[in-house]
Protein backbone atom coordinates (compact mmCIF):
# COMPACT_ATOMS: atom_id res chain seq x y z
CA MET A 1 -12.13 -14.61 -19.19
CA ASN A 2 -16.02 -13.59 -19.55
CA GLN A 3 -16.62 -12.91 -15.41
CA THR A 4 -13.75 -9.74 -15.28
CA GLN A 5 -15.66 -7.51 -17.56
CA ASN A 6 -19.39 -8.20 -16.07
CA ILE A 7 -17.13 -7.79 -12.52
CA GLN A 8 -16.01 -4.34 -13.39
CA GLU A 9 -19.09 -2.94 -14.53
CA SER A 10 -21.09 -3.21 -11.40
CA LYS A 11 -18.50 -0.50 -10.33
CA LYS A 12 -18.70 1.70 -12.63
CA PRO A 13 -19.73 4.44 -10.25
CA LEU A 14 -15.74 4.67 -9.69
CA ILE A 15 -15.01 6.44 -12.58
CA THR A 16 -16.74 10.19 -11.57
CA LYS A 17 -13.57 9.78 -8.85
CA LYS A 18 -10.36 10.69 -8.52
CA ILE A 19 -7.61 8.56 -10.01
CA MET A 20 -4.97 8.97 -8.02
CA ILE A 21 -2.71 5.60 -9.08
CA GLU A 22 -3.27 4.35 -12.50
CA ILE A 23 -0.66 1.83 -14.68
CA LYS A 24 -1.11 0.71 -18.04
CA ASP A 25 0.04 -2.24 -19.51
CA LEU A 26 3.41 -2.60 -17.08
CA LYS A 27 5.20 -5.65 -18.27
CA LYS A 28 8.55 -6.71 -16.17
CA SER A 29 10.53 -9.36 -17.91
CA PHE A 30 14.11 -11.36 -16.57
CA GLY A 31 14.93 -12.98 -19.18
CA ASP A 32 12.74 -15.22 -20.05
CA ASN A 33 10.25 -14.42 -16.41
CA HIS A 34 7.85 -12.52 -17.81
CA VAL A 35 7.05 -11.29 -14.63
CA LEU A 36 4.20 -9.14 -15.98
CA ASN A 37 3.40 -8.80 -18.97
CA GLY A 38 0.78 -5.97 -20.12
CA PHE A 39 -1.03 -5.82 -15.52
CA ASN A 40 -3.17 -2.75 -15.43
CA LEU A 41 -4.42 -0.98 -12.27
CA LYS A 42 -6.80 1.74 -11.24
CA LEU A 43 -6.61 3.63 -7.34
CA PHE A 44 -9.28 6.05 -6.95
CA GLU A 45 -9.45 8.64 -4.24
CA GLY A 46 -10.95 7.68 -0.75
CA GLU A 47 -10.88 4.26 -1.68
CA ASN A 48 -8.97 1.19 0.08
CA LEU A 49 -8.13 -1.54 -3.23
CA VAL A 50 -5.76 -5.26 -2.17
CA LEU A 51 -4.16 -6.44 -4.73
CA MET A 52 -3.99 -10.58 -4.33
CA GLY A 53 -0.82 -12.74 -6.48
CA LYS A 54 0.72 -15.62 -4.97
CA SER A 55 4.26 -15.74 -4.78
CA GLY A 56 6.32 -14.20 -7.99
CA SER A 57 3.15 -13.52 -8.65
CA GLY A 58 4.65 -9.97 -9.76
CA LYS A 59 3.68 -8.35 -7.00
CA SER A 60 6.67 -6.47 -5.09
CA VAL A 61 7.74 -6.60 -9.02
CA MET A 62 5.05 -4.17 -9.44
CA ILE A 63 5.68 -1.77 -6.50
CA LYS A 64 8.98 -1.76 -6.91
CA CYS A 65 8.09 -0.34 -10.59
CA LEU A 66 5.78 1.92 -9.04
CA VAL A 67 7.94 3.73 -6.20
CA GLY A 68 11.06 4.06 -8.74
CA LEU A 69 12.66 0.97 -7.20
CA MET A 70 13.07 -0.19 -10.79
CA GLN A 71 12.23 0.38 -14.79
CA PRO A 72 9.55 -1.65 -16.06
CA ASP A 73 10.30 -3.25 -19.86
CA SER A 74 6.77 -0.92 -21.05
CA GLY A 75 3.78 0.73 -20.35
CA LEU A 76 2.69 3.80 -18.28
CA ILE A 77 2.19 4.49 -14.30
CA LYS A 78 1.19 7.63 -13.44
CA VAL A 79 0.85 8.58 -9.82
CA MET A 80 -1.79 11.73 -9.17
CA ASP A 81 -2.14 12.05 -12.50
CA LYS A 82 1.80 12.85 -13.16
CA ASP A 83 3.91 9.99 -15.35
CA ILE A 84 6.91 9.06 -12.66
CA SER A 85 9.11 8.39 -16.58
CA THR A 86 9.18 11.72 -16.81
CA LEU A 87 9.79 13.11 -13.23
CA ASN A 88 13.45 14.50 -12.40
CA ARG A 89 14.49 13.34 -9.47
CA ASN A 90 13.80 16.07 -7.72
CA GLU A 91 10.02 16.02 -8.41
CA PHE A 92 10.14 12.62 -7.95
CA ASP A 93 11.54 12.46 -4.09
CA LYS A 94 8.32 15.66 -3.53
CA LEU A 95 5.94 13.52 -5.29
CA ARG A 96 6.86 10.73 -2.89
CA THR A 97 6.15 12.12 -0.14
CA GLU A 98 2.70 12.15 -1.07
CA ILE A 99 3.12 8.64 -0.38
CA GLY A 100 3.22 6.83 2.30
CA PHE A 101 5.10 2.95 1.87
CA LEU A 102 4.01 0.31 5.36
CA PHE A 103 6.77 -2.56 5.01
CA GLN A 104 6.41 -5.93 5.22
CA GLY A 105 8.86 -5.94 8.64
CA SER A 106 7.90 -2.46 9.56
CA ALA A 107 11.50 -1.35 8.74
CA LEU A 108 12.61 0.52 12.26
CA TYR A 109 15.90 2.01 12.93
CA ASP A 110 16.36 -0.65 15.18
CA SER A 111 19.35 2.57 16.85
CA MET A 112 17.08 4.52 16.49
CA THR A 113 14.02 4.91 19.69
CA VAL A 114 10.48 4.89 18.10
CA ARG A 115 11.23 9.07 19.20
CA GLU A 116 13.62 9.69 17.05
CA ASN A 117 11.76 6.80 13.87
CA LEU A 118 9.25 9.12 13.96
CA GLU A 119 11.59 12.07 13.09
CA PHE A 120 13.81 10.98 11.11
CA PRO A 121 11.52 11.29 7.74
CA LEU A 122 10.45 14.80 9.50
CA ARG A 123 13.92 15.71 8.44
CA ARG A 124 14.94 13.83 5.91
CA ASN A 125 11.63 14.91 4.06
CA LYS A 126 11.32 19.22 4.16
CA TYR A 127 9.57 19.57 1.05
CA LYS A 128 6.53 19.53 2.28
CA PHE A 129 7.43 20.57 6.82
CA GLY A 130 10.59 22.97 5.48
CA ASN A 131 13.33 22.94 8.56
CA ILE A 132 11.38 21.39 11.55
CA THR A 133 13.00 22.76 14.60
CA ASP A 134 10.43 21.26 16.98
CA THR A 135 8.49 17.97 16.07
CA SER A 136 6.96 17.14 19.07
CA GLU A 137 3.81 17.55 18.17
CA LEU A 138 3.86 15.55 14.34
CA VAL A 139 5.38 12.79 16.83
CA THR A 140 3.49 13.12 19.56
CA GLU A 141 0.58 13.19 17.12
CA ALA A 142 1.45 10.66 14.56
CA LEU A 143 1.82 8.17 17.39
CA GLU A 144 -1.58 9.26 19.31
CA ARG A 145 -3.31 7.69 15.91
CA VAL A 146 -2.32 4.25 16.80
CA GLY A 147 -2.77 4.17 20.15
CA LEU A 148 1.30 4.30 21.49
CA VAL A 149 2.34 7.88 22.61
CA ASP A 150 3.10 5.61 25.99
CA ALA A 151 6.18 3.68 23.55
CA ILE A 152 7.86 6.81 22.88
CA ASP A 153 10.82 6.10 23.98
CA LEU A 154 10.97 2.87 23.28
CA MET A 155 13.08 1.04 21.60
CA PRO A 156 12.67 -1.14 18.55
CA ALA A 157 13.64 -4.57 20.11
CA GLU A 158 11.55 -3.94 23.33
CA LEU A 159 8.16 -3.53 20.91
CA SER A 160 6.14 -6.96 20.31
CA GLY A 161 5.28 -7.17 16.35
CA GLY A 162 1.90 -5.67 16.45
CA MET A 163 3.29 -2.72 18.21
CA LYS A 164 6.13 -2.35 15.83
CA ARG A 165 3.04 -2.33 12.26
CA ARG A 166 2.07 0.79 14.72
CA VAL A 167 5.42 2.72 15.15
CA ALA A 168 5.72 1.73 11.49
CA LEU A 169 2.40 3.17 10.08
CA ALA A 170 2.65 5.76 12.39
CA ARG A 171 6.32 7.21 10.89
CA THR A 172 4.10 7.32 6.97
CA LEU A 173 1.23 9.09 8.83
CA ILE A 174 3.51 11.85 9.88
CA LEU A 175 3.95 13.10 6.61
CA LYS A 176 0.12 13.38 5.93
CA PRO A 177 0.63 11.55 2.91
CA LYS A 178 -2.31 11.05 0.35
CA ILE A 179 -1.88 7.46 -1.14
CA ILE A 180 -0.41 4.76 1.50
CA LEU A 181 0.88 1.15 -0.19
CA TYR A 182 0.80 -1.72 2.87
CA ASP A 183 2.88 -4.80 2.10
CA GLU A 184 1.45 -7.56 3.77
CA PRO A 185 0.19 -5.47 6.48
CA THR A 186 -0.43 -8.95 8.39
CA SER A 187 2.11 -11.08 7.99
CA GLY A 188 3.58 -12.63 11.11
CA LEU A 189 1.10 -11.30 13.40
CA ASP A 190 -1.11 -13.65 15.42
CA PRO A 191 -4.49 -13.69 13.86
CA ILE A 192 -6.28 -10.90 17.13
CA THR A 193 -2.87 -8.86 16.47
CA SER A 194 -4.00 -9.28 12.54
CA LYS A 195 -7.86 -8.16 13.21
CA GLU A 196 -6.69 -5.07 15.63
CA ILE A 197 -4.05 -3.58 12.26
CA ILE A 198 -7.15 -4.11 9.38
CA GLU A 199 -8.71 -2.15 11.91
CA LEU A 200 -6.80 0.05 12.59
CA MET A 201 -5.62 0.89 8.79
CA ARG A 202 -9.66 1.45 8.04
CA ARG A 203 -9.92 4.05 10.94
CA ILE A 204 -6.62 5.58 9.28
CA GLN A 205 -8.87 5.43 6.11
CA SER A 206 -11.61 7.09 6.97
CA GLN A 207 -9.54 9.28 9.31
CA TYR A 208 -6.81 11.00 6.79
CA LYS A 209 -8.97 10.44 3.61
CA THR A 210 -5.76 8.57 2.24
CA SER A 211 -6.16 5.48 -0.98
CA SER A 212 -4.70 2.77 0.15
CA LEU A 213 -2.81 -0.64 -2.00
CA ILE A 214 -3.02 -3.24 0.02
CA ILE A 215 -0.61 -6.02 -0.77
CA THR A 216 -1.65 -9.26 0.57
CA HIS A 217 -2.03 -12.83 0.23
CA ASP A 218 -4.45 -13.13 3.61
CA VAL A 219 -8.34 -13.86 3.12
CA ASP A 220 -9.13 -12.65 6.15
CA CYS A 221 -7.45 -8.79 5.85
CA ALA A 222 -8.81 -8.89 2.17
CA ARG A 223 -12.53 -9.56 2.96
CA VAL A 224 -12.32 -7.11 5.56
CA SER A 225 -10.28 -3.62 4.21
CA SER A 226 -11.21 -4.25 0.53
CA GLU A 227 -13.80 -2.25 -1.10
CA ARG A 228 -12.37 -3.62 -4.33
CA MET A 229 -9.88 -6.63 -5.21
CA ILE A 230 -8.10 -7.35 -7.79
CA LEU A 231 -6.54 -11.03 -8.77
CA LEU A 232 -2.83 -10.74 -9.77
CA VAL A 233 -2.42 -13.97 -12.54
CA ASP A 234 0.74 -15.12 -15.15
CA GLY A 235 1.93 -11.57 -14.96
CA ILE A 236 -2.07 -9.80 -15.37
CA ASN A 237 -5.36 -8.02 -13.92
CA TYR A 238 -7.20 -10.94 -14.13
CA VAL A 239 -10.08 -10.27 -12.93
CA GLU A 240 -11.27 -7.69 -10.45
CA GLY A 241 -14.97 -6.94 -7.41
CA THR A 242 -15.53 -7.46 -4.41
CA PHE A 243 -14.52 -8.76 -2.15
CA ASP A 244 -18.05 -10.81 -2.45
CA GLU A 245 -18.06 -10.96 -6.46
CA LEU A 246 -14.95 -12.49 -6.51
CA TYR A 247 -15.58 -15.10 -3.43
CA ALA A 248 -18.74 -16.48 -5.75
CA LEU A 249 -16.42 -17.46 -8.81
CA LYS A 250 -16.56 -20.56 -10.02
CA ASP A 251 -13.68 -19.94 -12.03
CA GLU A 252 -10.53 -22.62 -11.35
CA LYS A 253 -7.34 -19.64 -10.68
CA VAL A 254 -9.86 -17.60 -8.34
CA ARG A 255 -10.75 -20.35 -5.88
CA ALA A 256 -7.52 -20.96 -5.89
CA PHE A 257 -6.74 -18.07 -3.40
CA PHE A 258 -10.45 -18.51 -0.98
CA LYS A 259 -9.26 -22.17 -0.57
């Protein structure tokens, strides 16, 4: 396909920026099911990169390989210029404190209040903050960023879907990560709440100068949040470019994402 090279050439200024995540020729198969067939990706410092792919296309497998939950068959994964395959457990744990993850289902601890949910990563990740005796300031600051200070003593069961997503994002922000991975951030939300979450993501990227990899099948989320997009088809990065560049392509596999 010729479009990929042409679109990439239009984005050459990004090459001067620091690479936060680099994936080269990533391959992963399960028996005869070749999920990733030489996937490539670069996330640059300070950008919002959207990765779109249909269900079963390998998005989740790629993320699991990226965060060390699954071993690829072959390929290179570098995070902040560190080859993750060469890191020991302590080194990888330290690196993970620089990576925030917003899970699709928010993944809050049901038995903990909002305050306790935010305190948990602070106490678990002592690599960054040491032994913290008073977490109040950090918890309040993170909740202020997402507009939910008044929910600090509520239980997850008392929160709406959108509020849960905001609390989960606050819990991600509390470690002040350099990279945030968003897994279907608008999934299961109504259109109004989805728009609020997307705008919040953009505001956080601007305020914290984070580098964000956004996994989504939501076309509106991709259109509003992305500075650059990759379409994952047949286990490879089929085409890259801005939303408008990809939307203008006539290729049938690309058009299927925008129907």
